[in-house]
């Protein structure tokens, strides 16, 4: 673990705050912050407590944990307002539900004449403990974002209003998907905590990820 690397990670999570800006907030020199990040020195207790208040973390987070272990796997941490959209969805519960769910909504896209379908997905939570632990099953929902003027027949059409989301980009999600994708959600949750954002599920999809060779993960926030 490295206090210096943790501090670099926290600066990145707080909107890429610069060493100069951090030094000004703490009333120290930029060289002092640089030495902290190089692990050439550590802050006095009063400054460490100020850092905890600034980044909404604990002293254990700062000095004992390894924060940002997967920073290189992600880019473009941000908050954005996702415009309102109409969509259709399909849920599957199986040992590998993602592909089946995505293929189903892609079929709807083809049948509806959508040439460049936009697909998002999220975990389906309503799975029994028996399905999870005995049959090794889980649930997944895929949704097709409907272009203006497209209204598929025979399926339920849902609508979401514009809403604010915290988001992160994963250039290579399938390089190590069972580590990189879950940690993207953890990184976003940490980003939200550090920046004073709260998760919400009121009238919106609480979280989702885009489908494709690269991926963006979104968590609804207020």
C-alpha atoms as a PDB file:
ATOM      1  CA  UNK A   1       0.000   0.000   0.000  1.00  0.00           C
ATOM      2  CA  UNK A   2       1.153   3.569  -0.631  1.00  0.00           C
ATOM      3  CA  UNK A   3      -0.202   6.752   0.864  1.00  0.00           C
ATOM      4  CA  UNK A   4       1.212   8.660  -2.105  1.00  0.00           C
ATOM      5  CA  UNK A   5      -0.605   6.519  -4.659  1.00  0.00           C
ATOM      6  CA  UNK A   6      -3.798   6.738  -2.610  1.00  0.00           C
ATOM      7  CA  UNK A   7      -3.571  10.520  -2.628  1.00  0.00           C
ATOM      8  CA  UNK A   8      -3.038  10.570  -6.400  1.00  0.00           C
ATOM      9  CA  UNK A   9      -6.086   8.335  -6.787  1.00  0.00           C
ATOM     10  CA  UNK A  10      -8.223  10.610  -4.605  1.00  0.00           C
ATOM     11  CA  UNK A  11      -7.178  13.692  -6.581  1.00  0.00           C
ATOM     12  CA  UNK A  12      -8.231  11.911  -9.774  1.00  0.00           C
ATOM     13  CA  UNK A  13     -11.564  10.931  -8.248  1.00  0.00           C
ATOM     14  CA  UNK A  14     -12.224  14.533  -7.220  1.00  0.00           C
ATOM     15  CA  UNK A  15     -12.368  15.850 -10.773  1.00  0.00           C
ATOM     16  CA  UNK A  16      -8.617  15.702 -11.449  1.00  0.00           C
ATOM     17  CA  UNK A  17      -7.860  18.276  -8.760  1.00  0.00           C
ATOM     18  CA  UNK A  18      -4.285  19.512  -9.292  1.00  0.00           C
ATOM     19  CA  UNK A  19      -1.444  19.402  -6.801  1.00  0.00           C
ATOM     20  CA  UNK A  20      -1.510  23.209  -6.776  1.00  0.00           C
ATOM     21  CA  UNK A  21      -5.229  23.346  -6.006  1.00  0.00           C
ATOM     22  CA  UNK A  22      -4.891  20.749  -3.253  1.00  0.00           C
ATOM     23  CA  UNK A  23      -1.936  22.607  -1.752  1.00  0.00           C
ATOM     24  CA  UNK A  24      -3.938  25.822  -1.710  1.00  0.00           C
ATOM     25  CA  UNK A  25      -6.858  24.163   0.083  1.00  0.00           C
ATOM     26  CA  UNK A  26      -4.529  22.720   2.723  1.00  0.00           C
ATOM     27  CA  UNK A  27      -2.381  25.866   2.987  1.00  0.00           C
ATOM     28  CA  UNK A  28       0.835  23.993   2.161  1.00  0.00           C
ATOM     29  CA  UNK A  29       3.211  24.246  -0.783  1.00  0.00           C
ATOM     30  CA  UNK A  30       2.824  22.277  -4.004  1.00  0.00           C
ATOM     31  CA  UNK A  31       6.231  20.741  -3.269  1.00  0.00           C
ATOM     32  CA  UNK A  32       4.832  19.363  -0.014  1.00  0.00           C
ATOM     33  CA  UNK A  33       1.980  17.641  -1.858  1.00  0.00           C
ATOM     34  CA  UNK A  34       4.472  16.326  -4.419  1.00  0.00           C
ATOM     35  CA  UNK A  35       6.618  14.822  -1.646  1.00  0.00           C
ATOM     36  CA  UNK A  36       3.530  13.156  -0.131  1.00  0.00           C
ATOM     37  CA  UNK A  37       2.668  11.590  -3.473  1.00  0.00           C
ATOM     38  CA  UNK A  38       6.258  10.383  -3.958  1.00  0.00           C
ATOM     39  CA  UNK A  39       6.121   8.854  -0.446  1.00  0.00           C
ATOM     40  CA  UNK A  40       9.054  11.025   0.573  1.00  0.00           C
ATOM     41  CA  UNK A  41       7.063  12.341   3.535  1.00  0.00           C
ATOM     42  CA  UNK A  42       3.638  12.036   5.112  1.00  0.00           C
ATOM     43  CA  UNK A  43       1.310  14.767   6.373  1.00  0.00           C
ATOM     44  CA  UNK A  44       0.987  15.768   9.985  1.00  0.00           C
ATOM     45  CA  UNK A  45      -2.172  14.512  11.683  1.00  0.00           C
ATOM     46  CA  UNK A  46      -4.064  17.787  11.291  1.00  0.00           C
ATOM     47  CA  UNK A  47      -3.429  17.801   7.535  1.00  0.00           C
ATOM     48  CA  UNK A  48      -4.308  14.107   7.267  1.00  0.00           C
ATOM     49  CA  UNK A  49      -7.638  14.834   8.958  1.00  0.00           C
ATOM     50  CA  UNK A  50      -8.204  17.725   6.549  1.00  0.00           C
ATOM     51  CA  UNK A  51      -7.560  15.338   3.650  1.00  0.00           C
ATOM     52  CA  UNK A  52     -10.147  12.927   5.075  1.00  0.00           C
ATOM     53  CA  UNK A  53     -12.699  15.724   5.241  1.00  0.00           C
ATOM     54  CA  UNK A  54     -11.909  16.929   1.753  1.00  0.00           C
ATOM     55  CA  UNK A  55     -12.131  13.496   0.138  1.00  0.00           C
ATOM     56  CA  UNK A  56     -14.818  12.043   2.414  1.00  0.00           C
ATOM     57  CA  UNK A  57     -12.647   9.105   3.447  1.00  0.00           C
ATOM     58  CA  UNK A  58     -11.102   7.676   6.629  1.00  0.00           C
ATOM     59  CA  UNK A  59      -7.527   7.585   7.905  1.00  0.00           C
ATOM     60  CA  UNK A  60      -7.597   3.839   7.273  1.00  0.00           C
ATOM     61  CA  UNK A  61      -8.546   4.536   3.645  1.00  0.00           C
ATOM     62  CA  UNK A  62      -5.628   6.926   3.319  1.00  0.00           C
ATOM     63  CA  UNK A  63      -2.873   4.981   5.049  1.00  0.00           C
ATOM     64  CA  UNK A  64      -3.836   1.297   5.176  1.00  0.00           C
ATOM     65  CA  UNK A  65      -5.815   0.488   2.039  1.00  0.00           C
ATOM     66  CA  UNK A  66      -4.712   0.085  -1.551  1.00  0.00           C
ATOM     67  CA  UNK A  67      -7.014   2.486  -3.357  1.00  0.00           C
ATOM     68  CA  UNK A  68      -7.226   2.764  -7.121  1.00  0.00           C
ATOM     69  CA  UNK A  69      -5.825  -0.674  -7.894  1.00  0.00           C
ATOM     70  CA  UNK A  70      -7.613  -0.712 -11.251  1.00  0.00           C
ATOM     71  CA  UNK A  71      -7.257   2.937 -12.266  1.00  0.00           C
ATOM     72  CA  UNK A  72      -5.436   2.015 -15.487  1.00  0.00           C
ATOM     73  CA  UNK A  73      -8.481   0.044 -16.690  1.00  0.00           C
ATOM     74  CA  UNK A  74     -10.784   3.086 -16.705  1.00  0.00           C
ATOM     75  CA  UNK A  75     -11.034   6.538 -18.247  1.00  0.00           C
ATOM     76  CA  UNK A  76     -13.445   9.477 -18.309  1.00  0.00           C
ATOM     77  CA  UNK A  77     -14.919   9.461 -14.814  1.00  0.00           C
ATOM     78  CA  UNK A  78     -17.707  12.018 -14.988  1.00  0.00           C
ATOM     79  CA  UNK A  79     -21.208  13.142 -14.088  1.00  0.00           C
ATOM     80  CA  UNK A  80     -23.546  13.594 -17.034  1.00  0.00           C
ATOM     81  CA  UNK A  81     -27.220  14.074 -17.679  1.00  0.00           C
ATOM     82  CA  UNK A  82     -28.487  11.182 -19.785  1.00  0.00           C
ATOM     83  CA  UNK A  83     -31.278  12.451 -22.071  1.00  0.00           C
ATOM     84  CA  UNK A  84     -34.699  10.862 -21.759  1.00  0.00           C
ATOM     85  CA  UNK A  85     -35.311   7.760 -23.852  1.00  0.00           C
ATOM     86  CA  UNK A  86     -37.889   5.112 -24.766  1.00  0.00           C
ATOM     87  CA  UNK A  87     -36.886   1.481 -24.558  1.00  0.00           C
ATOM     88  CA  UNK A  88     -37.956  -2.155 -24.648  1.00  0.00           C
ATOM     89  CA  UNK A  89     -36.359  -4.734 -22.395  1.00  0.00           C
ATOM     90  CA  UNK A  90     -35.948  -8.480 -22.063  1.00  0.00           C
ATOM     91  CA  UNK A  91     -34.904 -10.360 -18.907  1.00  0.00           C
ATOM     92  CA  UNK A  92     -33.284 -13.805 -18.785  1.00  0.00           C
ATOM     93  CA  UNK A  93     -32.413 -16.016 -15.815  1.00  0.00           C
ATOM     94  CA  UNK A  94     -29.879 -18.734 -16.659  1.00  0.00           C
ATOM     95  CA  UNK A  95     -26.247 -19.684 -16.114  1.00  0.00           C
ATOM     96  CA  UNK A  96     -25.205 -17.230 -18.873  1.00  0.00           C
ATOM     97  CA  UNK A  97     -28.137 -14.843 -19.436  1.00  0.00           C
ATOM     98  CA  UNK A  98     -26.330 -11.839 -20.935  1.00  0.00           C
ATOM     99  CA  UNK A  99     -25.966 -13.133 -24.484  1.00  0.00           C
ATOM    100  CA  UNK A 100     -29.552 -14.437 -24.661  1.00  0.00           C
ATOM    101  CA  UNK A 101     -30.987 -11.155 -23.352  1.00  0.00           C
ATOM    102  CA  UNK A 102     -28.922  -9.022 -25.734  1.00  0.00           C
ATOM    103  CA  UNK A 103     -29.702 -11.241 -28.730  1.00  0.00           C
ATOM    104  CA  UNK A 104     -33.415 -10.962 -28.006  1.00  0.00           C
ATOM    105  CA  UNK A 105     -33.442  -7.167 -28.084  1.00  0.00           C
ATOM    106  CA  UNK A 106     -31.183  -7.158 -31.147  1.00  0.00           C
ATOM    107  CA  UNK A 107     -33.792  -9.344 -32.856  1.00  0.00           C
ATOM    108  CA  UNK A 108     -36.429  -6.734 -31.982  1.00  0.00           C
ATOM    109  CA  UNK A 109     -34.125  -4.079 -33.444  1.00  0.00           C
ATOM    110  CA  UNK A 110     -33.770  -5.988 -36.741  1.00  0.00           C
ATOM    111  CA  UNK A 111     -37.500  -6.610 -36.973  1.00  0.00           C
ATOM    112  CA  UNK A 112     -38.115  -2.888 -36.360  1.00  0.00           C
ATOM    113  CA  UNK A 113     -35.600  -1.749 -38.968  1.00  0.00           C
ATOM    114  CA  UNK A 114     -33.134  -0.223 -36.494  1.00  0.00           C
ATOM    115  CA  UNK A 115     -29.802  -0.147 -38.312  1.00  0.00           C
ATOM    116  CA  UNK A 116     -27.503   0.896 -35.463  1.00  0.00           C
ATOM    117  CA  UNK A 117     -29.098  -0.418 -32.259  1.00  0.00           C
ATOM    118  CA  UNK A 118     -28.093   1.017 -28.893  1.00  0.00           C
ATOM    119  CA  UNK A 119     -28.265  -1.653 -26.209  1.00  0.00           C
ATOM    120  CA  UNK A 120     -27.819  -1.274 -22.464  1.00  0.00           C
ATOM    121  CA  UNK A 121     -28.045  -3.894 -19.715  1.00  0.00           C
ATOM    122  CA  UNK A 122     -28.108  -4.468 -15.972  1.00  0.00           C
ATOM    123  CA  UNK A 123     -28.344  -7.301 -13.476  1.00  0.00           C
ATOM    124  CA  UNK A 124     -31.835  -8.671 -12.812  1.00  0.00           C
ATOM    125  CA  UNK A 125     -32.157  -8.838  -9.005  1.00  0.00           C
ATOM    126  CA  UNK A 126     -35.173 -11.119  -8.633  1.00  0.00           C
ATOM    127  CA  UNK A 127     -33.346 -14.436  -8.522  1.00  0.00           C
ATOM    128  CA  UNK A 128     -33.932 -16.976  -5.745  1.00  0.00           C
ATOM    129  CA  UNK A 129     -31.166 -18.244  -3.490  1.00  0.00           C
ATOM    130  CA  UNK A 130     -31.771 -21.753  -4.876  1.00  0.00           C
ATOM    131  CA  UNK A 131     -31.233 -20.511  -8.431  1.00  0.00           C
ATOM    132  CA  UNK A 132     -28.035 -18.744  -7.374  1.00  0.00           C
ATOM    133  CA  UNK A 133     -26.406 -21.320  -5.107  1.00  0.00           C
ATOM    134  CA  UNK A 134     -27.782 -24.638  -6.404  1.00  0.00           C
ATOM    135  CA  UNK A 135     -28.133 -24.017 -10.114  1.00  0.00           C
ATOM    136  CA  UNK A 136     -25.455 -21.299 -10.465  1.00  0.00           C
ATOM    137  CA  UNK A 137     -27.898 -19.036 -12.276  1.00  0.00           C
ATOM    138  CA  UNK A 138     -28.232 -15.265 -12.323  1.00  0.00           C
ATOM    139  CA  UNK A 139     -30.416 -12.723 -14.067  1.00  0.00           C
ATOM    140  CA  UNK A 140     -29.709 -10.086 -16.684  1.00  0.00           C
ATOM    141  CA  UNK A 141     -31.840  -7.472 -18.436  1.00  0.00           C
ATOM    142  CA  UNK A 142     -30.998  -6.105 -21.866  1.00  0.00           C
ATOM    143  CA  UNK A 143     -32.782  -3.033 -23.203  1.00  0.00           C
ATOM    144  CA  UNK A 144     -32.978  -1.549 -26.687  1.00  0.00           C
ATOM    145  CA  UNK A 145     -33.019   2.251 -26.796  1.00  0.00           C
ATOM    146  CA  UNK A 146     -35.701   3.128 -29.327  1.00  0.00           C
ATOM    147  CA  UNK A 147     -34.907   5.752 -31.963  1.00  0.00           C
ATOM    148  CA  UNK A 148     -37.510   8.432 -32.518  1.00  0.00           C
ATOM    149  CA  UNK A 149     -40.394   7.119 -34.611  1.00  0.00           C
ATOM    150  CA  UNK A 150     -39.699   3.428 -33.908  1.00  0.00           C
ATOM    151  CA  UNK A 151     -42.471   1.613 -32.024  1.00  0.00           C
ATOM    152  CA  UNK A 152     -42.134  -2.199 -32.028  1.00  0.00           C
ATOM    153  CA  UNK A 153     -45.381  -4.150 -31.843  1.00  0.00           C
ATOM    154  CA  UNK A 154     -46.173  -6.799 -29.265  1.00  0.00           C
ATOM    155  CA  UNK A 155     -43.724  -5.607 -26.602  1.00  0.00           C
ATOM    156  CA  UNK A 156     -44.012  -3.258 -23.637  1.00  0.00           C
ATOM    157  CA  UNK A 157     -42.518   0.157 -24.336  1.00  0.00           C
ATOM    158  CA  UNK A 158     -41.076   1.974 -21.329  1.00  0.00           C
ATOM    159  CA  UNK A 159     -39.878   5.527 -20.948  1.00  0.00           C
ATOM    160  CA  UNK A 160     -37.308   7.239 -18.787  1.00  0.00           C
ATOM    161  CA  UNK A 161     -36.962  10.971 -18.314  1.00  0.00           C
ATOM    162  CA  UNK A 162     -33.606  12.761 -18.465  1.00  0.00           C
ATOM    163  CA  UNK A 163     -31.577  12.080 -15.341  1.00  0.00           C
ATOM    164  CA  UNK A 164     -28.127  12.653 -13.840  1.00  0.00           C
ATOM    165  CA  UNK A 165     -25.707   9.716 -13.764  1.00  0.00           C
ATOM    166  CA  UNK A 166     -22.158   9.163 -12.592  1.00  0.00           C
ATOM    167  CA  UNK A 167     -20.347   7.339 -15.394  1.00  0.00           C
ATOM    168  CA  UNK A 168     -17.039   5.685 -16.243  1.00  0.00           C
ATOM    169  CA  UNK A 169     -15.574   4.374 -19.501  1.00  0.00           C
ATOM    170  CA  UNK A 170     -13.933   0.936 -19.800  1.00  0.00           C
ATOM    171  CA  UNK A 171     -11.824   0.711 -22.987  1.00  0.00           C
ATOM    172  CA  UNK A 172     -11.289  -3.063 -22.705  1.00  0.00           C
ATOM    173  CA  UNK A 173     -14.007  -4.540 -20.467  1.00  0.00           C
ATOM    174  CA  UNK A 174     -13.524  -8.122 -21.625  1.00  0.00           C
ATOM    175  CA  UNK A 175      -9.778  -8.238 -21.015  1.00  0.00           C
ATOM    176  CA  UNK A 176     -10.662  -9.494 -17.525  1.00  0.00           C
ATOM    177  CA  UNK A 177     -14.454  -8.989 -17.279  1.00  0.00           C
ATOM    178  CA  UNK A 178     -15.101 -10.686 -13.944  1.00  0.00           C
ATOM    179  CA  UNK A 179     -12.688  -8.253 -12.292  1.00  0.00           C
ATOM    180  CA  UNK A 180     -12.762  -5.101 -14.428  1.00  0.00           C
ATOM    181  CA  UNK A 181     -16.544  -4.682 -14.747  1.00  0.00           C
ATOM    182  CA  UNK A 182     -17.449  -5.233 -11.048  1.00  0.00           C
ATOM    183  CA  UNK A 183     -14.606  -2.928 -10.029  1.00  0.00           C
ATOM    184  CA  UNK A 184     -15.931  -0.247 -12.360  1.00  0.00           C
ATOM    185  CA  UNK A 185     -19.091  -0.185 -10.247  1.00  0.00           C
ATOM    186  CA  UNK A 186     -16.985  -0.041  -7.066  1.00  0.00           C
ATOM    187  CA  UNK A 187     -14.892   2.783  -8.502  1.00  0.00           C
ATOM    188  CA  UNK A 188     -18.025   4.714  -9.423  1.00  0.00           C
ATOM    189  CA  UNK A 189     -19.485   4.188  -5.940  1.00  0.00           C
ATOM    190  CA  UNK A 190     -16.252   5.549  -4.464  1.00  0.00           C
ATOM    191  CA  UNK A 191     -16.290   8.478  -6.881  1.00  0.00           C
ATOM    192  CA  UNK A 192     -19.837   9.296  -5.794  1.00  0.00           C
ATOM    193  CA  UNK A 193     -18.941   9.095  -2.100  1.00  0.00           C
ATOM    194  CA  UNK A 194     -15.896  11.346  -2.511  1.00  0.00           C
ATOM    195  CA  UNK A 195     -17.929  13.901  -4.461  1.00  0.00           C
ATOM    196  CA  UNK A 196     -20.978  13.868  -2.196  1.00  0.00           C
ATOM    197  CA  UNK A 197     -23.339  12.161  -4.666  1.00  0.00           C
ATOM    198  CA  UNK A 198     -26.041   9.706  -3.605  1.00  0.00           C
ATOM    199  CA  UNK A 199     -27.435   6.759  -5.549  1.00  0.00           C
ATOM    200  CA  UNK A 200     -31.138   6.799  -6.447  1.00  0.00           C
ATOM    201  CA  UNK A 201     -33.609   4.400  -8.007  1.00  0.00           C
ATOM    202  CA  UNK A 202     -36.609   6.743  -8.037  1.00  0.00           C
ATOM    203  CA  UNK A 203     -38.324   6.570 -11.429  1.00  0.00           C
ATOM    204  CA  UNK A 204     -35.063   5.682 -13.214  1.00  0.00           C
ATOM    205  CA  UNK A 205     -32.933   2.675 -14.046  1.00  0.00           C
ATOM    206  CA  UNK A 206     -30.566   2.702 -11.020  1.00  0.00           C
ATOM    207  CA  UNK A 207     -27.533   1.525 -12.961  1.00  0.00           C
ATOM    208  CA  UNK A 208     -26.692   0.110 -16.360  1.00  0.00           C
ATOM    209  CA  UNK A 209     -23.854  -0.615 -18.743  1.00  0.00           C
ATOM    210  CA  UNK A 210     -23.580  -0.185 -22.502  1.00  0.00           C
ATOM    211  CA  UNK A 211     -23.054  -3.186 -24.738  1.00  0.00           C
ATOM    212  CA  UNK A 212     -20.088  -3.366 -27.121  1.00  0.00           C
ATOM    213  CA  UNK A 213     -16.340  -3.872 -27.441  1.00  0.00           C
ATOM    214  CA  UNK A 214     -15.844  -0.981 -25.017  1.00  0.00           C
ATOM    215  CA  UNK A 215     -18.290  -0.138 -22.250  1.00  0.00           C
ATOM    216  CA  UNK A 216     -19.609   2.732 -20.168  1.00  0.00           C
ATOM    217  CA  UNK A 217     -21.064   2.057 -16.718  1.00  0.00           C
ATOM    218  CA  UNK A 218     -23.695   4.427 -15.280  1.00  0.00           C
ATOM    219  CA  UNK A 219     -25.095   4.841 -11.757  1.00  0.00           C
ATOM    220  CA  UNK A 220     -28.068   7.169 -11.198  1.00  0.00           C
ATOM    221  CA  UNK A 221     -27.348   9.893  -8.681  1.00  0.00           C
ATOM    222  CA  UNK A 222     -28.737  12.972  -6.980  1.00  0.00           C
END
